[in-house]
C-alpha cells in the first residue's frame, strides 16, 4: 500500500518568493513583504490572494505581529499555515533509519525509527516504505519525503557515492517514489542540516552562516548571501585533508593530524584503544577526561585544540556572523570548552571580533528534520536552488 501525496498547485516565481519570505521571516505585515521583495501594493495583493485562497497563507490575529495602517484601516500580518501540509524527513545511518514528520515550519510532530539489517538498496527502500506507511496512518495528507545520508548525491535524486552504505549510483529518490507513492528528494545529510538551520534554526535571517559538525565524520557547510554554497566536495569528506596539526595522531581514517584523525568519534575511540587496549565508548572517554584520567584527558585536550583551530580558521576566512557547532560529538565542548576557547584566540588576530559560536547537541532526528526541510524547499516551494 502506498501513501497518497497531498495536492498543491505549483507556485509561480512571484508567489514562491512571497511564500518563502513569510515562511522564513514571518509573520510579516504586507508593507514589510512589499519592502523586502521590492513589490508594489497591487503586485503584492495579486500574489498573496491565491496563497490565502489555497490555505498556504493566513491573516494572523491581532497581537501576533504589529498591525499596519493603510488608508485608515488596519491590515493584519500574514503567516504560513504550518499545519496545512506535513512532510517526512529521513536520516539513514549504517544501522538505522531515523524518521520524522514535520509541519511546514519544520516542527517535528512524530518520530519513528527502524533498524537496518542490510545495506542492499532494496532493503533500505523497503524500510523507508514501512516507516512511511506507519506515518501515513496518522498523517494522511503527507506532501513528500526528504532523505539525508552521508555521501554525495546529484540532482537531489541519485546517491552517487556513500561510503557508509557502500553505494554507487543508486537512484534512491525514484525507488522511494515507486515504493511509497510520494515525491522524494535526496541530499547529503550535512547539506540538509545546513538548509534546515539556515531557514528555521540558528542561521535564520543571517547573511553569512557556517555549520561545522563532528561525529562519525566531519561536516562543513557555508551560507553566503542567505543561500547555502553547494560545491563538488559536498559529501566527499572535507575533514580528511583539513590538516589541523601536522604532528598529530595517525588513525585509520584521514591524513595524519587531519580534522578526521583528531576529532571524529571513531578516531578518538581508536586512539584510546591503541594506547590502553580497552574499547571505551565516546561518552566514557569524555567522562574519564573530566575526571582527569591522563590518557583520556590528553586525547580530549588535543581534540579540543583541533576544534578551536578549525573554528578560528572558519572565522578568519569565511567571516560568518555565526558558526553553529553540531553533531553527536559536541559533548567535547562541555568537557574541554576552555581549551577550545584558548585555541580560537590563539589563531585569531588580537583585534578580531569574538567568534559567535553556538553549540547544539544534535540527535539523528535533527538530521532527519533536515531531510524534511529539503522536501519543503523542493517539493512544495520549488526552491531547488535555495
Protein backbone atom coordinates (compact mmCIF):
# COMPACT_ATOMS: atom_id res chain seq x y z
CA UNK A 1 0.00 0.00 0.00
CA UNK A 2 1.37 3.42 -0.92
CA UNK A 3 0.62 6.79 0.57
CA UNK A 4 -1.24 9.46 -1.34
CA UNK A 5 0.58 12.74 -1.92
CA UNK A 6 -1.25 15.90 -0.88
CA UNK A 7 -2.18 18.05 -3.86
CA UNK A 8 -0.75 21.54 -4.20
CA UNK A 9 -0.90 23.80 -7.21
CA UNK A 10 2.57 24.83 -8.45
CA UNK A 11 3.61 28.29 -7.32
CA UNK A 12 4.62 31.00 -9.75
CA UNK A 13 8.05 32.59 -9.14
CA UNK A 14 6.41 35.62 -7.54
CA UNK A 15 4.15 33.53 -5.30
CA UNK A 16 7.12 31.37 -4.34
CA UNK A 17 9.15 34.43 -3.32
CA UNK A 18 6.31 35.69 -1.11
CA UNK A 19 5.74 32.26 0.45
CA UNK A 20 9.44 31.79 1.25
CA UNK A 21 9.74 35.27 2.73
CA UNK A 22 6.78 34.70 5.06
CA UNK A 23 7.86 31.15 5.88
CA UNK A 24 11.40 32.10 6.90
CA UNK A 25 10.73 35.53 8.44
CA UNK A 26 7.03 35.70 9.26
CA UNK A 27 4.60 36.70 10.42
CA UNK A 28 5.06 39.82 8.31
CA UNK A 29 2.89 42.80 7.51
CA UNK A 30 2.09 43.38 3.87
CA UNK A 31 4.21 46.53 3.85
CA UNK A 32 7.19 44.54 5.18
CA UNK A 33 6.76 41.89 2.49
CA UNK A 34 6.47 44.53 -0.23
CA UNK A 35 9.59 46.32 1.05
CA UNK A 36 11.64 43.12 1.35
CA UNK A 37 10.71 41.96 -2.17
CA UNK A 38 10.53 45.41 -3.79
CA UNK A 39 6.90 44.96 -4.81
CA UNK A 40 4.10 47.44 -5.29
CA UNK A 41 0.99 47.11 -3.15
CA UNK A 42 -1.00 45.99 -6.18
CA UNK A 43 1.51 43.31 -7.16
CA UNK A 44 1.62 42.02 -3.61
CA UNK A 45 -2.16 41.77 -3.45
CA UNK A 46 -2.19 39.85 -6.73
CA UNK A 47 0.44 37.40 -5.45
CA UNK A 48 -0.95 36.85 -1.96
CA UNK A 49 -4.58 36.30 -2.97
CA UNK A 50 -4.10 32.76 -4.39
CA UNK A 51 -1.80 31.86 -1.49
CA UNK A 52 -4.51 32.78 1.01
CA UNK A 53 -7.22 31.05 -1.01
CA UNK A 54 -5.16 27.85 -1.19
CA UNK A 55 -4.68 27.82 2.58
CA UNK A 56 -0.93 28.34 2.46
CA UNK A 57 -1.05 31.84 3.99
CA UNK A 58 -3.40 33.22 6.61
CA UNK A 59 -4.03 36.58 8.24
CA UNK A 60 -2.99 36.18 11.87
CA UNK A 61 -4.87 37.62 14.85
CA UNK A 62 -4.08 41.00 16.32
CA UNK A 63 -1.12 40.83 18.69
CA UNK A 64 0.81 38.20 16.72
CA UNK A 65 2.64 40.98 14.94
CA UNK A 66 2.19 44.75 14.67
CA UNK A 67 -0.77 45.82 12.55
CA UNK A 68 -0.10 48.28 9.80
CA UNK A 69 -2.48 51.09 8.96
CA UNK A 70 -3.31 51.66 5.32
CA UNK A 71 -5.86 54.27 4.27
CA UNK A 72 -7.20 54.40 7.81
CA UNK A 73 -7.88 50.64 8.06
CA UNK A 74 -5.82 48.03 9.89
CA UNK A 75 -4.21 45.32 7.77
CA UNK A 76 -3.39 42.10 9.56
CA UNK A 77 0.02 40.48 9.04
CA UNK A 78 0.37 37.28 7.08
CA UNK A 79 1.81 33.99 8.27
CA UNK A 80 2.25 30.47 6.92
CA UNK A 81 -0.35 27.89 7.92
CA UNK A 82 2.16 25.48 9.42
CA UNK A 83 -0.24 22.54 9.70
CA UNK A 84 -1.53 22.86 6.14
CA UNK A 85 0.97 20.24 4.97
CA UNK A 86 3.16 17.63 6.62
CA UNK A 87 6.44 16.14 5.42
CA UNK A 88 8.57 13.11 6.13
CA UNK A 89 12.27 13.50 6.77
CA UNK A 90 14.70 10.56 6.92
CA UNK A 91 18.28 10.22 8.09
CA UNK A 92 19.95 6.98 7.02
CA UNK A 93 22.93 5.72 9.03
CA UNK A 94 24.89 2.48 8.84
CA UNK A 95 22.48 0.60 11.06
CA UNK A 96 19.29 2.69 11.43
CA UNK A 97 16.70 4.72 9.60
CA UNK A 98 15.53 7.69 11.64
CA UNK A 99 12.24 9.21 10.52
CA UNK A 100 10.26 12.30 11.49
CA UNK A 101 7.11 14.08 10.37
CA UNK A 102 7.23 17.87 10.39
CA UNK A 103 4.91 20.75 9.73
CA UNK A 104 5.52 23.32 7.01
CA UNK A 105 7.60 25.25 9.57
CA UNK A 106 9.72 22.13 10.23
CA UNK A 107 8.36 21.47 13.72
CA UNK A 108 8.66 17.75 14.47
CA UNK A 109 5.27 16.21 15.27
CA UNK A 110 6.12 12.49 15.06
CA UNK A 111 9.16 10.20 15.19
CA UNK A 112 9.70 6.61 14.15
CA UNK A 113 12.94 4.66 13.79
CA UNK A 114 13.68 1.29 12.21
CA UNK A 115 16.88 -0.82 12.22
CA UNK A 116 18.70 -1.74 9.03
CA UNK A 117 19.80 -5.35 8.70
CA UNK A 118 21.30 -4.87 5.24
CA UNK A 119 22.68 -2.09 3.08
CA UNK A 120 21.11 -3.50 -0.06
CA UNK A 121 19.26 -0.54 -1.62
CA UNK A 122 16.04 -2.52 -2.00
CA UNK A 123 16.08 -3.44 1.69
CA UNK A 124 16.68 0.19 2.68
CA UNK A 125 13.86 1.36 0.41
CA UNK A 126 11.55 -1.26 1.92
CA UNK A 127 12.34 0.06 5.40
CA UNK A 128 11.59 3.60 4.22
CA UNK A 129 8.29 2.33 2.80
CA UNK A 130 7.36 0.67 6.10
CA UNK A 131 8.07 3.81 8.12
CA UNK A 132 6.20 5.95 5.58
CA UNK A 133 3.12 3.73 5.86
CA UNK A 134 3.36 3.99 9.64
CA UNK A 135 3.36 7.77 9.40
CA UNK A 136 0.59 7.85 6.77
CA UNK A 137 -1.87 6.27 9.19
CA UNK A 138 -1.75 9.37 11.39
CA UNK A 139 -0.91 11.92 8.69
CA UNK A 140 -2.90 11.08 5.54
CA UNK A 141 -2.04 14.38 3.81
CA UNK A 142 1.71 13.89 3.54
CA UNK A 143 3.23 16.15 0.89
CA UNK A 144 6.55 14.43 0.27
CA UNK A 145 9.75 12.85 1.56
CA UNK A 146 13.24 14.27 2.06
CA UNK A 147 16.21 11.97 2.71
CA UNK A 148 19.61 12.85 4.11
CA UNK A 149 22.58 10.49 4.24
CA UNK A 150 26.34 10.55 4.45
CA UNK A 151 27.66 10.68 0.92
CA UNK A 152 27.48 12.52 -2.37
CA UNK A 153 24.31 12.99 -4.38
CA UNK A 154 23.37 14.59 -7.68
CA UNK A 155 20.19 16.31 -8.87
CA UNK A 156 18.77 15.68 -5.39
CA UNK A 157 17.77 12.24 -6.60
CA UNK A 158 20.75 9.88 -7.10
CA UNK A 159 23.24 8.75 -4.47
CA UNK A 160 26.47 8.94 -6.42
CA UNK A 161 28.56 7.53 -3.60
CA UNK A 162 28.08 6.64 0.06
CA UNK A 163 31.00 5.03 1.88
CA UNK A 164 28.82 4.31 4.93
CA UNK A 165 26.40 2.25 2.86
CA UNK A 166 28.76 1.02 0.12
CA UNK A 167 26.54 2.59 -2.55
CA UNK A 168 27.37 3.88 -6.01
CA UNK A 169 24.89 5.42 -8.45
CA UNK A 170 21.73 4.41 -6.57
CA UNK A 171 18.60 6.22 -7.91
CA UNK A 172 17.18 6.46 -4.40
CA UNK A 173 14.55 9.14 -4.99
CA UNK A 174 12.97 7.20 -7.86
CA UNK A 175 12.98 3.94 -5.90
CA UNK A 176 11.35 5.61 -2.88
CA UNK A 177 8.74 7.32 -5.04
CA UNK A 178 7.83 3.99 -6.66
CA UNK A 179 7.60 2.28 -3.26
CA UNK A 180 5.64 4.98 -1.40
CA UNK A 181 3.69 6.94 -3.99
CA UNK A 182 5.16 10.18 -2.60
CA UNK A 183 7.60 12.53 -4.32
CA UNK A 184 11.08 12.29 -2.80
CA UNK A 185 14.35 14.23 -2.76
CA UNK A 186 17.80 13.11 -1.62
CA UNK A 187 20.75 15.14 -0.40
CA UNK A 188 23.95 14.89 1.62
CA UNK A 189 22.97 14.97 5.29
CA UNK A 190 25.21 17.91 6.22
CA UNK A 191 23.81 19.95 3.33
CA UNK A 192 20.29 19.14 4.56
CA UNK A 193 21.19 20.18 8.11
CA UNK A 194 22.65 23.46 6.86
CA UNK A 195 19.46 24.20 4.91
CA UNK A 196 17.31 23.47 7.98
CA UNK A 197 19.39 25.67 10.28
CA UNK A 198 19.55 28.46 7.71
CA UNK A 199 15.80 28.55 7.13
CA UNK A 200 14.44 27.66 10.56
CA UNK A 201 17.26 27.43 13.12
CA UNK A 202 20.45 29.07 14.31
CA UNK A 203 21.14 30.76 10.95
CA UNK A 204 17.67 32.15 10.35
CA UNK A 205 17.86 35.66 8.95
CA UNK A 206 21.67 35.67 8.71
CA UNK A 207 23.51 36.59 5.53
CA UNK A 208 26.68 34.62 6.35
CA UNK A 209 26.45 31.50 8.47
CA UNK A 210 28.61 28.39 8.87
CA UNK A 211 27.94 24.91 10.23
CA UNK A 212 30.63 22.54 11.49
CA UNK A 213 29.58 19.04 12.52
CA UNK A 214 31.61 16.48 14.43
CA UNK A 215 30.55 12.90 14.99
CA UNK A 216 31.17 9.83 12.85
CA UNK A 217 32.77 12.24 10.37
CA UNK A 218 33.46 15.94 9.90
CA UNK A 219 30.94 18.08 8.06
CA UNK A 220 31.10 21.69 6.95
CA UNK A 221 28.63 23.97 5.24
CA UNK A 222 28.58 27.68 4.45
CA UNK A 223 25.72 30.07 3.78
CA UNK A 224 26.55 33.31 1.98
CA UNK A 225 24.05 35.87 0.78
CA UNK A 226 21.40 33.86 2.62
CA UNK A 227 21.98 30.78 0.41
CA UNK A 228 23.93 27.60 1.03
CA UNK A 229 27.03 27.32 -1.12
CA UNK A 230 26.92 23.98 -2.94
CA UNK A 231 30.22 22.52 -4.18
CA UNK A 232 31.52 19.35 -5.79
CA UNK A 233 33.08 18.48 -2.43
CA UNK A 234 29.71 18.08 -0.68
CA UNK A 235 29.59 14.60 0.77
CA UNK A 236 33.14 13.53 -0.08
CA UNK A 237 34.62 14.32 3.33
CA UNK A 238 36.11 17.76 4.00
CA UNK A 239 37.89 16.68 7.15
CA UNK A 240 40.20 14.03 5.70
CA UNK A 241 42.55 16.61 4.18
CA UNK A 242 41.83 19.53 6.53
CA UNK A 243 45.19 19.40 8.33
CA UNK A 244 44.97 20.92 11.80
CA UNK A 245 48.19 19.66 13.37
CA UNK A 246 50.73 18.00 11.03
CA UNK A 247 52.33 16.31 14.05
CA UNK A 248 49.00 14.94 15.26
CA UNK A 249 47.93 11.31 15.51
CA UNK A 250 47.72 8.86 12.64
CA UNK A 251 44.47 6.91 12.64
CA UNK A 252 42.84 4.54 10.12
CA UNK A 253 40.74 7.42 8.75
CA UNK A 254 42.11 10.69 7.39
CA UNK A 255 45.62 12.05 6.91
CA UNK A 256 47.94 12.43 9.90
CA UNK A 257 46.82 15.35 12.03
CA UNK A 258 43.69 15.94 9.97
CA UNK A 259 40.37 17.01 11.42
CA UNK A 260 39.10 13.46 10.93
CA UNK A 261 42.02 11.85 12.75
CA UNK A 262 41.79 14.30 15.66
CA UNK A 263 38.10 14.98 16.11
CA UNK A 264 35.76 12.24 14.95
CA UNK A 265 34.22 9.85 17.45
CA UNK A 266 35.75 6.71 15.82
CA UNK A 267 39.25 8.29 15.77
CA UNK A 268 39.08 9.37 19.41
CA UNK A 269 37.97 5.89 20.39
CA UNK A 270 40.74 4.39 18.24
CA UNK A 271 43.40 6.49 19.99
CA UNK A 272 42.27 5.32 23.43
CA UNK A 273 42.03 1.71 22.29
CA UNK A 274 45.51 1.83 20.74
CA UNK A 275 47.01 3.31 23.91
CA UNK A 276 45.20 1.23 26.54
CA UNK A 277 43.88 -1.86 24.78
CA UNK A 278 40.40 -1.00 26.06
CA UNK A 279 37.39 -0.41 23.85
CA UNK A 280 35.69 2.54 25.55
CA UNK A 281 32.63 4.49 24.37
CA UNK A 282 32.91 8.16 23.44
CA UNK A 283 30.82 9.26 26.41
CA UNK A 284 33.01 7.22 28.74
CA UNK A 285 36.13 8.84 27.29
CA UNK A 286 34.68 12.30 27.92
CA UNK A 287 33.76 11.31 31.46
CA UNK A 288 37.25 9.95 32.13
CA UNK A 289 38.79 13.16 30.75
CA UNK A 290 36.55 15.24 33.01
CA UNK A 291 37.79 13.19 35.97
CA UNK A 292 41.40 13.85 34.99
CA UNK A 293 42.39 10.38 33.75
CA UNK A 294 45.69 11.18 31.98
CA UNK A 295 45.31 9.35 28.66
CA UNK A 296 41.69 10.38 28.10
CA UNK A 297 42.49 13.96 29.13
CA UNK A 298 45.41 14.13 26.66
CA UNK A 299 43.34 12.85 23.73
CA UNK A 300 40.37 15.08 24.55
CA UNK A 301 42.54 18.19 25.04
CA UNK A 302 44.27 17.56 21.71
CA UNK A 303 40.85 17.21 20.05
CA UNK A 304 39.68 20.42 21.73
CA UNK A 305 42.70 22.33 20.42
CA UNK A 306 41.97 20.98 16.95
CA UNK A 307 38.36 22.09 17.22
CA UNK A 308 39.33 25.59 18.35
CA UNK A 309 41.80 25.83 15.45
CA UNK A 310 39.10 24.81 12.96
CA UNK A 311 36.63 27.32 14.36
CA UNK A 312 39.26 30.08 14.12
CA UNK A 313 40.11 29.14 10.53
CA UNK A 314 36.44 29.28 9.55
CA UNK A 315 36.04 32.65 11.26
CA UNK A 316 39.23 34.03 9.66
CA UNK A 317 38.44 33.06 6.08
CA UNK A 318 34.64 32.78 5.77
CA UNK A 319 33.88 35.63 8.21
CA UNK A 320 30.43 34.29 9.16
CA UNK A 321 28.12 36.13 11.52
CA UNK A 322 27.69 32.87 13.42
CA UNK A 323 29.20 29.40 13.48
CA UNK A 324 26.99 26.53 14.57
CA UNK A 325 28.79 23.53 16.03
CA UNK A 326 26.55 20.46 15.81
CA UNK A 327 26.61 16.69 15.78
CA UNK A 328 26.81 13.85 18.25
CA UNK A 329 30.42 14.68 19.13
CA UNK A 330 29.94 18.19 20.51
CA UNK A 331 29.96 16.95 24.11
CA UNK A 332 33.68 17.62 23.71
CA UNK A 333 32.96 21.31 24.32
CA UNK A 334 31.28 20.60 27.67
CA UNK A 335 34.40 18.83 28.91
CA UNK A 336 37.14 20.94 27.32
CA UNK A 337 35.46 24.24 26.49
CA UNK A 338 38.28 26.42 27.89
CA UNK A 339 40.83 24.60 25.70
CA UNK A 340 38.63 25.24 22.64
CA UNK A 341 38.39 28.95 23.53
CA UNK A 342 42.16 29.23 24.03
CA UNK A 343 42.80 27.70 20.61
CA UNK A 344 40.30 30.04 18.97
CA UNK A 345 42.01 33.09 20.48
CA UNK A 346 45.49 31.79 19.63
CA UNK A 347 44.55 31.58 15.95
CA UNK A 348 42.74 34.91 15.66
CA UNK A 349 44.02 38.49 15.35
CA UNK A 350 44.02 40.20 18.77
CA UNK A 351 41.62 42.86 17.45
CA UNK A 352 39.27 40.40 15.77
CA UNK A 353 35.65 40.33 16.85
CA UNK A 354 34.73 37.48 19.22
CA UNK A 355 33.56 34.40 17.34
CA UNK A 356 29.81 33.93 17.64
CA UNK A 357 29.87 30.18 18.30
CA UNK A 358 26.67 28.30 19.09
CA UNK A 359 26.76 24.67 20.15
CA UNK A 360 23.91 22.28 19.51
CA UNK A 361 23.90 18.63 20.51
CA UNK A 362 22.13 17.10 17.50
CA UNK A 363 20.49 13.71 17.63
CA UNK A 364 19.63 11.86 14.46
CA UNK A 365 16.08 13.24 14.47
CA UNK A 366 17.56 16.72 13.94
CA UNK A 367 19.35 15.35 10.89
CA UNK A 368 16.09 13.75 9.71
CA UNK A 369 14.38 17.14 10.13
CA UNK A 370 16.93 18.46 7.63
CA UNK A 371 15.56 15.97 5.11
CA UNK A 372 12.04 17.26 5.72
CA UNK A 373 13.21 20.83 5.09
CA UNK A 374 14.56 19.69 1.73
CA UNK A 375 11.12 18.37 0.90
CA UNK A 376 9.58 21.70 1.90
CA UNK A 377 12.04 23.63 -0.26
CA UNK A 378 11.93 21.47 -3.36
CA UNK A 379 8.59 19.71 -3.48
CA UNK A 380 6.31 22.47 -2.23
CA UNK A 381 8.05 25.76 -2.85
CA UNK A 382 10.06 24.70 -5.87
CA UNK A 383 13.15 26.32 -4.36
CA UNK A 384 15.64 23.77 -5.64
CA UNK A 385 18.46 26.27 -5.55
CA UNK A 386 17.62 27.64 -2.10
